[in-house]
């Protein structure tokens, strides 16, 4: 049988291809070989204590590290941690060396104890058998401070506490009652004046102390409260005497315990009560204006209510107090001398509160207006 040189060449090439083997890889289809070669992808999505780049890690001995392995399997890993990127390869704080393990979540840091209020960078690479991945991109995290030396609190300014004042306006019973709160020290301690409709047509003054409600009396209104009808009210708090007027007619005067001498006003509804309010005005004993709103525009003064059709609507199961001031928030301020050199990293601790949506100020915006080291991005400092 005679074969041409062309035919012999083709057969020789086929034999050579069939005899090629890759160490550690069994003969696979072309698609399988491509998948095996992808084992060199770098790990990504690095976390510390399940968070990406946290700035307040409190566990200084064994924080938990994690990463996402590429498309390959992991049979081993190596972690390096340093104070800055340039030290990762030349002077790391910790180098785990190669660790034979498939773990890539909740891997405990096993180096020297970390320093409080310090910034670190770390990276990881993995093996799939003898195939090693590239190093991951460095990831940053910071440790929490362990003390606030020399700091003093700066409390939010607090307005003068209300004592004797008059609250007046319009109300509508939408379901059962219209209830207003007076002399509220907080959302659990106050006087509660309840205009009861739904056939009761009475005034029911209460005190609330914690979770305990005490009804002081029941006073006939002298007229019926009809759902959806507007009624004018005025309540005068003077000393321990509370006088109540309905449609410009005095219907009651009640003595209250001395423990309810000061506080703001607000609203409370039970599970089946709904009401709405308008033209609310609060004046001090000397005639000064403490509060005024006709709700023609949206109001954020009461987080338990909505402004609907020019009225303040309070739904069922609500409880909130208007406050002209608060001592619930504080910042700490301290002075520190900074060495005459670039700042490597910094953390901004920011606190904010609002009862309504407002234009947000990102921590990144604050940092970018502050001092950063040259070349640092906002995430380095935030």
Protein backbone atom coordinates (compact mmCIF):
# COMPACT_ATOMS: atom_id res chain seq x y z
CA UNK A 1 0.00 0.00 0.00
CA UNK A 2 1.48 3.31 -1.04
CA UNK A 3 0.95 6.56 0.91
CA UNK A 4 1.76 9.99 -0.38
CA UNK A 5 4.09 12.23 1.61
CA UNK A 6 1.11 14.51 2.34
CA UNK A 7 -0.84 11.61 3.87
CA UNK A 8 2.16 10.52 5.99
CA UNK A 9 2.56 14.07 7.30
CA UNK A 10 -1.06 14.26 8.40
CA UNK A 11 -0.85 10.93 10.22
CA UNK A 12 2.39 11.94 11.97
CA UNK A 13 0.79 15.18 13.21
CA UNK A 14 -2.25 13.26 14.51
CA UNK A 15 0.00 10.87 16.45
CA UNK A 16 1.97 13.74 17.99
CA UNK A 17 -1.19 15.53 19.09
CA UNK A 18 -2.64 12.40 20.62
CA UNK A 19 0.54 11.80 22.64
CA UNK A 20 0.71 15.28 24.22
CA UNK A 21 -0.14 15.24 27.93
CA UNK A 22 -0.35 17.97 30.53
CA UNK A 23 1.11 17.17 33.97
CA UNK A 24 -1.64 16.77 36.59
CA UNK A 25 -4.44 16.96 33.97
CA UNK A 26 -6.11 13.89 32.54
CA UNK A 27 -7.03 13.88 28.83
CA UNK A 28 -10.10 16.13 28.58
CA UNK A 29 -12.14 17.76 25.92
CA UNK A 30 -11.10 21.19 24.72
CA UNK A 31 -13.74 22.82 26.92
CA UNK A 32 -12.47 21.03 30.05
CA UNK A 33 -8.90 22.09 29.39
CA UNK A 34 -10.02 25.72 29.15
CA UNK A 35 -11.78 25.48 32.51
CA UNK A 36 -8.69 24.01 34.18
CA UNK A 37 -6.53 26.86 32.89
CA UNK A 38 -8.87 29.40 34.55
CA UNK A 39 -7.71 28.17 37.96
CA UNK A 40 -5.14 30.99 37.90
CA UNK A 41 -7.81 33.73 38.41
CA UNK A 42 -7.12 35.94 41.44
CA UNK A 43 -9.37 35.80 44.54
CA UNK A 44 -11.73 38.75 44.97
CA UNK A 45 -14.46 40.19 47.23
CA UNK A 46 -12.24 40.21 50.33
CA UNK A 47 -14.00 40.68 53.69
CA UNK A 48 -13.11 41.10 57.36
CA UNK A 49 -15.76 39.87 59.80
CA UNK A 50 -18.09 39.43 56.80
CA UNK A 51 -17.78 43.12 55.86
CA UNK A 52 -15.91 44.68 52.93
CA UNK A 53 -13.22 47.06 54.24
CA UNK A 54 -14.64 47.74 57.73
CA UNK A 55 -13.10 50.67 59.61
CA UNK A 56 -13.85 49.65 63.21
CA UNK A 57 -12.77 46.04 63.72
CA UNK A 58 -12.87 45.42 67.47
CA UNK A 59 -11.40 41.89 67.50
CA UNK A 60 -7.66 42.58 67.56
CA UNK A 61 -6.53 38.97 67.99
CA UNK A 62 -8.40 36.86 65.45
CA UNK A 63 -10.72 38.78 63.07
CA UNK A 64 -12.31 36.54 60.45
CA UNK A 65 -11.08 36.84 56.86
CA UNK A 66 -12.93 35.79 53.75
CA UNK A 67 -12.61 35.87 49.97
CA UNK A 68 -14.22 34.51 46.83
CA UNK A 69 -12.14 31.96 44.95
CA UNK A 70 -11.96 32.22 41.16
CA UNK A 71 -13.39 29.51 38.91
CA UNK A 72 -10.80 27.01 40.15
CA UNK A 73 -10.99 24.89 43.26
CA UNK A 74 -8.92 25.92 46.27
CA UNK A 75 -6.60 23.44 47.94
CA UNK A 76 -4.39 25.98 49.74
CA UNK A 77 -4.06 29.70 50.44
CA UNK A 78 -1.59 32.34 51.57
CA UNK A 79 -2.46 35.62 53.33
CA UNK A 80 -0.22 38.64 53.77
CA UNK A 81 -1.09 41.64 55.96
CA UNK A 82 0.83 44.91 56.34
CA UNK A 83 0.48 48.56 57.32
CA UNK A 84 0.67 49.67 53.67
CA UNK A 85 0.76 48.12 50.23
CA UNK A 86 4.49 48.51 49.70
CA UNK A 87 5.19 46.43 52.84
CA UNK A 88 3.04 43.48 51.77
CA UNK A 89 5.92 41.76 50.00
CA UNK A 90 8.94 43.21 51.85
CA UNK A 91 7.87 43.69 55.49
CA UNK A 92 4.43 42.26 56.24
CA UNK A 93 3.01 42.29 59.75
CA UNK A 94 1.92 38.72 59.08
CA UNK A 95 2.55 36.20 56.32
CA UNK A 96 0.64 32.96 56.75
CA UNK A 97 2.83 31.18 54.15
CA UNK A 98 1.09 28.38 52.25
CA UNK A 99 -1.72 26.81 54.28
CA UNK A 100 -3.22 23.58 53.00
CA UNK A 101 -6.96 24.28 53.32
CA UNK A 102 -10.03 24.76 51.17
CA UNK A 103 -11.50 27.28 53.65
CA UNK A 104 -12.23 30.71 52.17
CA UNK A 105 -14.74 32.04 54.70
CA UNK A 106 -14.32 32.70 58.43
CA UNK A 107 -10.58 32.14 58.20
CA UNK A 108 -9.16 33.39 61.51
CA UNK A 109 -6.28 35.84 61.38
CA UNK A 110 -3.34 34.17 63.13
CA UNK A 111 -0.68 36.86 63.26
CA UNK A 112 0.48 39.24 66.00
CA UNK A 113 -2.22 41.17 67.86
CA UNK A 114 -3.44 44.13 65.83
CA UNK A 115 -3.02 47.68 67.08
CA UNK A 116 -6.13 49.73 68.05
CA UNK A 117 -7.02 52.67 65.80
CA UNK A 118 -4.72 51.46 63.04
CA UNK A 119 -5.15 50.88 59.33
CA UNK A 120 -4.10 47.68 57.55
CA UNK A 121 -4.00 46.26 54.03
CA UNK A 122 -4.08 42.58 53.17
CA UNK A 123 -4.16 40.26 50.20
CA UNK A 124 -4.58 36.56 49.48
CA UNK A 125 -3.70 34.04 46.80
CA UNK A 126 -4.83 30.44 46.38
CA UNK A 127 -3.65 27.16 44.91
CA UNK A 128 -5.49 24.52 42.93
CA UNK A 129 -3.07 21.67 43.31
CA UNK A 130 0.20 23.02 41.92
CA UNK A 131 -1.43 25.91 40.05
CA UNK A 132 -1.17 29.17 42.01
CA UNK A 133 -3.39 32.18 41.43
CA UNK A 134 -2.20 35.77 41.19
CA UNK A 135 -2.45 37.84 44.38
CA UNK A 136 -5.80 39.48 44.96
CA UNK A 137 -6.08 43.25 44.81
CA UNK A 138 -5.11 44.65 48.25
CA UNK A 139 -8.04 45.29 50.59
CA UNK A 140 -8.08 47.77 53.48
CA UNK A 141 -9.59 47.70 56.95
CA UNK A 142 -9.19 49.62 60.20
CA UNK A 143 -9.31 48.70 63.86
CA UNK A 144 -11.48 50.39 66.46
CA UNK A 145 -10.07 52.79 69.00
CA UNK A 146 -9.84 51.49 72.55
CA UNK A 147 -10.18 54.83 74.33
CA UNK A 148 -11.25 58.46 73.89
CA UNK A 149 -8.48 60.17 75.84
CA UNK A 150 -9.12 63.82 76.67
CA UNK A 151 -12.48 63.99 74.92
CA UNK A 152 -15.53 65.84 76.22
CA UNK A 153 -19.14 65.47 75.06
CA UNK A 154 -20.80 68.19 73.02
CA UNK A 155 -24.54 67.78 73.56
CA UNK A 156 -27.09 68.89 71.04
CA UNK A 157 -28.56 72.22 72.15
CA UNK A 158 -31.68 71.89 74.26
CA UNK A 159 -34.47 74.41 74.12
CA UNK A 160 -36.10 75.69 77.29
CA UNK A 161 -38.52 73.15 78.76
CA UNK A 162 -42.18 74.02 78.27
CA UNK A 163 -44.22 74.39 81.45
CA UNK A 164 -47.30 76.67 81.29
CA UNK A 165 -48.73 76.98 77.79
CA UNK A 166 -51.88 76.89 75.66
CA UNK A 167 -52.35 74.47 72.78
CA UNK A 168 -55.25 75.07 70.39
CA UNK A 169 -56.47 74.21 66.93
CA UNK A 170 -59.00 72.09 65.03
CA UNK A 171 -59.55 68.34 65.16
CA UNK A 172 -61.64 65.77 63.38
CA UNK A 173 -62.50 62.31 64.65
CA UNK A 174 -62.01 59.90 61.76
CA UNK A 175 -62.58 56.79 63.88
CA UNK A 176 -63.55 56.67 67.59
CA UNK A 177 -61.44 59.37 69.31
CA UNK A 178 -59.19 62.40 68.93
CA UNK A 179 -56.37 62.25 71.47
CA UNK A 180 -53.73 64.87 72.20
CA UNK A 181 -50.75 64.59 74.56
CA UNK A 182 -49.59 67.39 76.91
CA UNK A 183 -46.65 68.02 79.25
CA UNK A 184 -44.81 65.05 77.74
CA UNK A 185 -41.38 64.41 79.21
CA UNK A 186 -40.92 61.62 76.66
CA UNK A 187 -43.05 59.21 74.65
CA UNK A 188 -44.01 57.20 77.76
CA UNK A 189 -44.69 59.88 80.39
CA UNK A 190 -47.33 62.54 79.76
CA UNK A 191 -50.89 63.84 80.17
CA UNK A 192 -53.31 62.43 77.61
CA UNK A 193 -56.54 64.30 76.80
CA UNK A 194 -59.00 62.14 74.85
CA UNK A 195 -62.04 63.54 73.04
CA UNK A 196 -64.20 60.44 72.71
CA UNK A 197 -66.64 60.10 69.86
CA UNK A 198 -68.36 56.99 68.53
CA UNK A 199 -71.41 57.68 70.72
CA UNK A 200 -69.48 58.31 73.95
CA UNK A 201 -69.18 62.12 73.53
CA UNK A 202 -66.99 62.61 76.58
CA UNK A 203 -63.63 64.06 77.54
CA UNK A 204 -61.38 61.49 79.24
CA UNK A 205 -58.23 63.02 80.83
CA UNK A 206 -55.47 60.47 81.55
CA UNK A 207 -51.97 60.32 82.95
CA UNK A 208 -49.39 57.95 81.53
CA UNK A 209 -46.39 56.76 83.55
CA UNK A 210 -44.39 54.21 81.61
CA UNK A 211 -46.86 51.60 80.41
CA UNK A 212 -49.52 52.52 82.99
CA UNK A 213 -52.52 54.68 81.98
CA UNK A 214 -54.80 56.22 84.61
CA UNK A 215 -58.10 57.87 83.67
CA UNK A 216 -58.69 60.87 85.94
CA UNK A 217 -62.38 61.44 85.14
CA UNK A 218 -65.05 61.35 82.43
CA UNK A 219 -66.64 64.68 81.41
CA UNK A 220 -69.69 65.00 79.14
CA UNK A 221 -68.94 67.19 76.12
CA UNK A 222 -72.45 68.58 75.86
CA UNK A 223 -72.53 67.84 72.13
CA UNK A 224 -71.99 64.93 69.78
CA UNK A 225 -68.71 64.28 67.99
CA UNK A 226 -69.51 63.26 64.42
CA UNK A 227 -66.83 61.55 62.34
CA UNK A 228 -65.33 63.86 59.72
CA UNK A 229 -66.67 67.05 61.36
CA UNK A 230 -64.29 69.83 62.40
CA UNK A 231 -64.25 70.95 66.06
CA UNK A 232 -62.33 73.81 67.64
CA UNK A 233 -60.42 73.07 70.85
CA UNK A 234 -58.19 74.88 73.34
CA UNK A 235 -56.32 73.43 76.32
CA UNK A 236 -54.64 75.71 78.87
CA UNK A 237 -51.96 74.19 81.12
CA UNK A 238 -51.27 76.49 84.07
CA UNK A 239 -49.53 75.09 87.12
CA UNK A 240 -51.30 71.89 88.07
CA UNK A 241 -54.62 73.00 86.51
CA UNK A 242 -55.60 71.96 82.97
CA UNK A 243 -58.59 73.82 81.44
CA UNK A 244 -60.28 72.44 78.34
CA UNK A 245 -62.48 74.31 75.81
CA UNK A 246 -64.54 72.87 72.95
CA UNK A 247 -65.90 75.23 70.30
CA UNK A 248 -65.00 78.21 72.53
CA UNK A 249 -66.93 76.74 75.47
CA UNK A 250 -65.17 75.68 78.67
CA UNK A 251 -66.08 72.09 79.44
CA UNK A 252 -63.59 71.09 82.16
CA UNK A 253 -60.85 72.02 84.58
CA UNK A 254 -58.76 69.19 86.01
CA UNK A 255 -56.02 69.13 88.66
CA UNK A 256 -53.04 66.95 87.71
CA UNK A 257 -50.13 65.55 89.78
CA UNK A 258 -47.13 67.82 90.24
CA UNK A 259 -44.96 65.29 88.42
CA UNK A 260 -46.56 66.44 85.16
CA UNK A 261 -45.37 70.06 85.40
CA UNK A 262 -43.33 70.34 82.19
CA UNK A 263 -43.05 68.81 78.74
CA UNK A 264 -44.03 69.09 75.10
CA UNK A 265 -47.12 67.98 73.16
CA UNK A 266 -47.95 65.25 70.69
CA UNK A 267 -50.43 62.55 69.73
CA UNK A 268 -51.38 59.00 70.59
CA UNK A 269 -53.91 56.66 69.01
CA UNK A 270 -55.04 53.17 69.90
CA UNK A 271 -55.47 50.32 67.48
CA UNK A 272 -58.89 51.48 66.24
CA UNK A 273 -58.49 55.28 66.52
CA UNK A 274 -57.81 57.73 63.68
CA UNK A 275 -57.96 61.52 63.69
CA UNK A 276 -56.66 64.64 61.97
CA UNK A 277 -55.59 68.12 63.11
CA UNK A 278 -55.19 71.58 61.65
CA UNK A 279 -54.20 75.15 62.58
CA UNK A 280 -52.23 73.96 65.58
CA UNK A 281 -50.74 76.70 67.72
CA UNK A 282 -48.90 76.61 71.05
CA UNK A 283 -48.25 79.80 73.00
CA UNK A 284 -46.40 80.34 76.26
CA UNK A 285 -47.96 81.97 79.33
CA UNK A 286 -46.49 85.33 78.29
CA UNK A 287 -47.92 85.04 74.76
CA UNK A 288 -44.75 83.89 72.98
CA UNK A 289 -45.14 81.46 70.08
CA UNK A 290 -43.82 77.98 70.83
CA UNK A 291 -45.30 76.20 67.82
CA UNK A 292 -47.53 77.04 64.83
CA UNK A 293 -48.46 75.13 61.67
CA UNK A 294 -51.50 75.08 59.39
CA UNK A 295 -50.10 72.13 57.41
CA UNK A 296 -50.51 73.74 54.02
CA UNK A 297 -47.06 72.27 53.35
CA UNK A 298 -45.71 68.87 54.36
CA UNK A 299 -44.57 68.72 57.98
CA UNK A 300 -41.92 66.48 59.53
CA UNK A 301 -42.56 67.60 63.12
CA UNK A 302 -44.43 64.43 64.06
CA UNK A 303 -42.97 61.15 62.76
CA UNK A 304 -46.21 59.29 63.55
CA UNK A 305 -48.36 61.50 61.28
CA UNK A 306 -48.68 62.49 57.64
CA UNK A 307 -49.74 65.74 56.01
CA UNK A 308 -52.79 64.95 53.89
CA UNK A 309 -54.95 67.58 52.14
CA UNK A 310 -53.72 70.37 54.39
CA UNK A 311 -54.25 68.45 57.63
CA UNK A 312 -52.07 66.41 59.97
CA UNK A 313 -53.42 62.86 59.78
CA UNK A 314 -52.68 60.45 62.64
CA UNK A 315 -53.39 56.80 61.88
CA UNK A 316 -54.10 53.91 64.22
CA UNK A 317 -51.59 52.73 66.80
CA UNK A 318 -49.38 55.84 66.79
CA UNK A 319 -47.46 57.62 69.53
CA UNK A 320 -45.10 60.58 69.03
CA UNK A 321 -44.04 63.79 70.73
CA UNK A 322 -42.98 67.13 69.29
CA UNK A 323 -39.68 68.17 70.79
CA UNK A 324 -38.12 71.60 70.55
CA UNK A 325 -34.78 70.24 71.67
CA UNK A 326 -32.98 67.04 72.63
CA UNK A 327 -30.15 65.78 74.77
CA UNK A 328 -30.15 62.36 73.14
CA UNK A 329 -27.18 63.03 70.85
CA UNK A 330 -23.59 63.94 71.58
CA UNK A 331 -20.28 64.17 69.76
CA UNK A 332 -16.88 63.79 71.38
CA UNK A 333 -14.19 66.33 70.71
CA UNK A 334 -10.51 66.12 71.54
CA UNK A 335 -7.36 67.87 70.36
CA UNK A 336 -4.42 65.97 68.94
CA UNK A 337 -1.05 67.04 67.60
CA UNK A 338 -0.33 65.56 64.16
CA UNK A 339 3.26 64.97 63.11
CA UNK A 340 4.53 67.00 60.17
CA UNK A 341 4.06 64.28 57.56
CA UNK A 342 1.44 62.92 55.19
CA UNK A 343 -1.61 61.30 56.77
CA UNK A 344 -1.61 57.63 55.75
CA UNK A 345 -5.19 56.95 56.71
CA UNK A 346 -8.03 58.34 58.81
CA UNK A 347 -11.54 57.38 59.88
CA UNK A 348 -14.47 59.78 60.05
CA UNK A 349 -17.15 58.84 62.63
CA UNK A 350 -20.39 60.60 61.65
CA UNK A 351 -23.78 60.64 63.40
CA UNK A 352 -27.01 62.10 62.03
CA UNK A 353 -30.75 61.95 62.65
CA UNK A 354 -33.77 63.27 60.78
CA UNK A 355 -37.51 62.73 60.84
CA UNK A 356 -37.86 63.51 57.13
CA UNK A 357 -35.93 62.87 53.91
CA UNK A 358 -33.25 65.50 53.45
CA UNK A 359 -30.45 65.95 50.93
CA UNK A 360 -27.87 63.43 52.09
CA UNK A 361 -24.28 64.30 52.88
CA UNK A 362 -22.03 61.35 52.19
CA UNK A 363 -19.08 60.63 54.44
CA UNK A 364 -17.05 60.64 51.23
CA UNK A 365 -18.05 64.26 50.61
CA UNK A 366 -16.91 65.19 54.12
CA UNK A 367 -13.60 63.43 53.69
CA UNK A 368 -12.91 65.00 50.30
CA UNK A 369 -13.18 68.42 51.93
CA UNK A 370 -10.74 67.36 54.66
CA UNK A 371 -7.09 66.35 54.64
CA UNK A 372 -6.00 63.24 52.81
CA UNK A 373 -2.67 61.87 51.88
CA UNK A 374 -1.70 62.44 48.22
CA UNK A 375 -3.15 59.76 45.97
CA UNK A 376 -5.55 58.35 48.56
CA UNK A 377 -9.13 57.76 47.52
CA UNK A 378 -12.07 58.58 49.74
CA UNK A 379 -12.49 54.97 50.85
CA UNK A 380 -9.03 55.13 52.44
CA UNK A 381 -10.28 57.79 54.84
CA UNK A 382 -14.00 57.14 55.23
